[in-house]
Amino acid sequence: MKSPTKKLSNIIAKWRKRRKGQFVVYTKEGKRFVVPLYYLNHPIFKVLLEMAEEEYGSTVNGPLRVPCENELMEYILCLLRTKPDAEIEEAISSISTCRGTHVSCNFSPLQCDNLVEIIS
């Protein structure tokens, strides 16, 4: 029989793992998101990474952090999963205009996959 400490360490190890072809990104609030690598080629992620570099500098040995709130990151991931072109273009332009501030602005209220409602 495993000790409670061993069980807990196994649970934590499983939680920290990510599948091949994925990477982990953290929001400014510290929420962890596991994201497919191919999202890195999407313009919206390129903008987020540029903003992260401006905000936090280069993170070679630390976690990848983006300067946006949890809800916005959930919204972005939802958009990328469902691929509605017009909404993605609007999101990209909104994020681009928010440079220099923490990203959480210019989105109209929207529900996406019953996941999250974004407040403008």
C-alpha atoms as a PDB file:
ATOM      1  CA  MET A   1       0.000   0.000   0.000  1.00  0.00           C
ATOM      2  CA  LYS A   2       1.331   3.421  -0.995  1.00  0.00           C
ATOM      3  CA  SER A   3       1.733   6.124   1.577  1.00  0.00           C
ATOM      4  CA  PRO A   4      -0.399   9.265   1.235  1.00  0.00           C
ATOM      5  CA  THR A   5       2.746  11.272   0.489  1.00  0.00           C
ATOM      6  CA  LYS A   6       3.708   8.957  -2.366  1.00  0.00           C
ATOM      7  CA  LYS A   7       0.153   9.085  -3.790  1.00  0.00           C
ATOM      8  CA  LEU A   8       0.210  12.870  -3.656  1.00  0.00           C
ATOM      9  CA  SER A   9       3.599  13.066  -5.373  1.00  0.00           C
ATOM     10  CA  ASN A  10       2.331  10.728  -8.123  1.00  0.00           C
ATOM     11  CA  ILE A  11      -0.745  12.919  -8.651  1.00  0.00           C
ATOM     12  CA  ILE A  12       1.406  16.047  -8.833  1.00  0.00           C
ATOM     13  CA  ALA A  13       3.812  14.406 -11.278  1.00  0.00           C
ATOM     14  CA  LYS A  14       0.927  13.393 -13.570  1.00  0.00           C
ATOM     15  CA  TRP A  15      -0.555  16.903 -13.371  1.00  0.00           C
ATOM     16  CA  ARG A  16       2.760  18.504 -14.334  1.00  0.00           C
ATOM     17  CA  LYS A  17       3.317  16.259 -17.327  1.00  0.00           C
ATOM     18  CA  ARG A  18       2.305  17.326 -20.756  1.00  0.00           C
ATOM     19  CA  ARG A  19       1.968  15.244 -23.869  1.00  0.00           C
ATOM     20  CA  LYS A  20       4.441  15.300 -26.699  1.00  0.00           C
ATOM     21  CA  GLY A  21       3.598  18.178 -29.028  1.00  0.00           C
ATOM     22  CA  GLN A  22       2.373  20.469 -26.243  1.00  0.00           C
ATOM     23  CA  PHE A  23       3.821  23.298 -24.195  1.00  0.00           C
ATOM     24  CA  VAL A  24       2.834  25.002 -20.972  1.00  0.00           C
ATOM     25  CA  VAL A  25       2.046  28.685 -20.647  1.00  0.00           C
ATOM     26  CA  TYR A  26       1.077  30.648 -17.540  1.00  0.00           C
ATOM     27  CA  THR A  27      -1.087  33.763 -17.367  1.00  0.00           C
ATOM     28  CA  LYS A  28      -0.181  36.798 -15.294  1.00  0.00           C
ATOM     29  CA  GLU A  29      -2.451  35.368 -12.577  1.00  0.00           C
ATOM     30  CA  GLY A  30      -0.472  32.113 -12.573  1.00  0.00           C
ATOM     31  CA  LYS A  31      -3.010  29.781 -14.172  1.00  0.00           C
ATOM     32  CA  ARG A  32      -1.378  26.947 -16.125  1.00  0.00           C
ATOM     33  CA  PHE A  33      -2.479  26.103 -19.673  1.00  0.00           C
ATOM     34  CA  VAL A  34      -1.252  23.145 -21.721  1.00  0.00           C
ATOM     35  CA  VAL A  35      -1.337  24.185 -25.367  1.00  0.00           C
ATOM     36  CA  PRO A  36      -0.596  22.359 -28.647  1.00  0.00           C
ATOM     37  CA  LEU A  37       2.719  23.382 -30.207  1.00  0.00           C
ATOM     38  CA  TYR A  38       1.123  24.228 -33.555  1.00  0.00           C
ATOM     39  CA  TYR A  39      -0.635  27.179 -31.874  1.00  0.00           C
ATOM     40  CA  LEU A  40       2.783  28.872 -31.782  1.00  0.00           C
ATOM     41  CA  ASN A  41       2.489  29.481 -35.530  1.00  0.00           C
ATOM     42  CA  HIS A  42      -0.826  31.300 -35.163  1.00  0.00           C
ATOM     43  CA  PRO A  43      -0.683  35.119 -35.376  1.00  0.00           C
ATOM     44  CA  ILE A  44      -2.552  35.573 -32.096  1.00  0.00           C
ATOM     45  CA  PHE A  45       0.060  33.531 -30.221  1.00  0.00           C
ATOM     46  CA  LYS A  46       2.880  35.357 -31.941  1.00  0.00           C
ATOM     47  CA  VAL A  47       1.445  38.634 -30.649  1.00  0.00           C
ATOM     48  CA  LEU A  48       1.094  37.188 -27.140  1.00  0.00           C
ATOM     49  CA  LEU A  49       4.699  35.965 -27.173  1.00  0.00           C
ATOM     50  CA  GLU A  50       5.972  39.347 -28.363  1.00  0.00           C
ATOM     51  CA  MET A  51       4.020  41.012 -25.576  1.00  0.00           C
ATOM     52  CA  ALA A  52       5.391  38.501 -23.063  1.00  0.00           C
ATOM     53  CA  GLU A  53       8.933  39.292 -24.138  1.00  0.00           C
ATOM     54  CA  GLU A  54       8.259  43.023 -23.801  1.00  0.00           C
ATOM     55  CA  GLU A  55       6.637  42.568 -20.381  1.00  0.00           C
ATOM     56  CA  TYR A  56       8.812  39.870 -18.778  1.00  0.00           C
ATOM     57  CA  GLY A  57      11.880  39.603 -20.982  1.00  0.00           C
ATOM     58  CA  SER A  58      13.249  36.353 -22.363  1.00  0.00           C
ATOM     59  CA  THR A  59      12.459  33.241 -20.279  1.00  0.00           C
ATOM     60  CA  VAL A  60      15.077  30.669 -21.129  1.00  0.00           C
ATOM     61  CA  ASN A  61      15.102  28.816 -17.801  1.00  0.00           C
ATOM     62  CA  GLY A  62      11.712  29.682 -16.372  1.00  0.00           C
ATOM     63  CA  PRO A  63       8.076  29.158 -17.194  1.00  0.00           C
ATOM     64  CA  LEU A  64       6.557  30.839 -20.230  1.00  0.00           C
ATOM     65  CA  ARG A  65       4.290  33.625 -18.981  1.00  0.00           C
ATOM     66  CA  VAL A  66       1.950  35.793 -21.029  1.00  0.00           C
ATOM     67  CA  PRO A  67       0.612  39.162 -19.827  1.00  0.00           C
ATOM     68  CA  CYS A  68      -3.076  38.337 -20.022  1.00  0.00           C
ATOM     69  CA  GLU A  69      -5.807  37.319 -17.614  1.00  0.00           C
ATOM     70  CA  ASN A  70      -7.071  33.759 -17.209  1.00  0.00           C
ATOM     71  CA  GLU A  71     -10.386  34.497 -18.921  1.00  0.00           C
ATOM     72  CA  LEU A  72      -8.710  36.010 -21.963  1.00  0.00           C
ATOM     73  CA  MET A  73      -6.393  33.027 -22.332  1.00  0.00           C
ATOM     74  CA  GLU A  74      -9.386  30.676 -22.128  1.00  0.00           C
ATOM     75  CA  TYR A  75     -11.132  32.793 -24.765  1.00  0.00           C
ATOM     76  CA  ILE A  76      -8.109  32.725 -27.082  1.00  0.00           C
ATOM     77  CA  LEU A  77      -7.753  28.957 -26.766  1.00  0.00           C
ATOM     78  CA  CYS A  78     -11.460  28.538 -27.410  1.00  0.00           C
ATOM     79  CA  LEU A  79     -11.198  30.690 -30.539  1.00  0.00           C
ATOM     80  CA  LEU A  80      -8.271  28.675 -31.815  1.00  0.00           C
ATOM     81  CA  ARG A  81     -10.137  25.396 -31.212  1.00  0.00           C
ATOM     82  CA  THR A  82     -13.299  26.526 -33.007  1.00  0.00           C
ATOM     83  CA  LYS A  83     -11.495  28.590 -35.697  1.00  0.00           C
ATOM     84  CA  PRO A  84     -14.065  31.336 -36.416  1.00  0.00           C
ATOM     85  CA  ASP A  85     -12.019  33.548 -38.747  1.00  0.00           C
ATOM     86  CA  ALA A  86     -13.803  36.848 -38.103  1.00  0.00           C
ATOM     87  CA  GLU A  87     -13.568  36.497 -34.328  1.00  0.00           C
ATOM     88  CA  ILE A  88      -9.882  35.605 -34.500  1.00  0.00           C
ATOM     89  CA  GLU A  89      -9.159  38.650 -36.654  1.00  0.00           C
ATOM     90  CA  GLU A  90     -11.023  40.840 -34.154  1.00  0.00           C
ATOM     91  CA  ALA A  91      -9.114  39.252 -31.271  1.00  0.00           C
ATOM     92  CA  ILE A  92      -5.762  39.812 -32.975  1.00  0.00           C
ATOM     93  CA  SER A  93      -6.516  43.456 -33.645  1.00  0.00           C
ATOM     94  CA  SER A  94      -7.763  43.942 -30.073  1.00  0.00           C
ATOM     95  CA  ILE A  95      -4.665  42.375 -28.584  1.00  0.00           C
ATOM     96  CA  SER A  96      -2.396  44.372 -30.886  1.00  0.00           C
ATOM     97  CA  THR A  97      -4.008  47.639 -29.769  1.00  0.00           C
ATOM     98  CA  CYS A  98      -3.550  46.683 -26.106  1.00  0.00           C
ATOM     99  CA  ARG A  99       0.252  46.627 -26.269  1.00  0.00           C
ATOM    100  CA  GLY A 100       1.856  48.244 -23.291  1.00  0.00           C
ATOM    101  CA  THR A 101      -1.009  47.244 -21.000  1.00  0.00           C
ATOM    102  CA  HIS A 102      -2.078  43.979 -19.500  1.00  0.00           C
ATOM    103  CA  VAL A 103      -4.250  42.241 -22.047  1.00  0.00           C
ATOM    104  CA  SER A 104      -7.904  42.127 -21.126  1.00  0.00           C
ATOM    105  CA  CYS A 105      -9.502  44.811 -23.257  1.00  0.00           C
ATOM    106  CA  ASN A 106     -11.689  45.464 -26.318  1.00  0.00           C
ATOM    107  CA  PHE A 107     -13.625  42.187 -26.355  1.00  0.00           C
ATOM    108  CA  SER A 108     -17.367  42.205 -26.573  1.00  0.00           C
ATOM    109  CA  PRO A 109     -19.250  39.745 -24.335  1.00  0.00           C
ATOM    110  CA  LEU A 110     -19.179  36.315 -25.909  1.00  0.00           C
ATOM    111  CA  GLN A 111     -19.729  32.755 -24.797  1.00  0.00           C
ATOM    112  CA  CYS A 112     -17.494  30.128 -26.296  1.00  0.00           C
ATOM    113  CA  ASP A 113     -18.190  26.411 -25.890  1.00  0.00           C
ATOM    114  CA  ASN A 114     -20.020  27.123 -22.596  1.00  0.00           C
ATOM    115  CA  LEU A 115     -16.569  27.819 -21.210  1.00  0.00           C
ATOM    116  CA  VAL A 116     -16.241  31.438 -20.268  1.00  0.00           C
ATOM    117  CA  GLU A 117     -17.921  34.794 -20.715  1.00  0.00           C
ATOM    118  CA  ILE A 118     -15.594  37.637 -21.480  1.00  0.00           C
ATOM    119  CA  ILE A 119     -16.474  41.002 -20.037  1.00  0.00           C
ATOM    120  CA  SER A 120     -15.461  43.972 -22.157  1.00  0.00           C
END
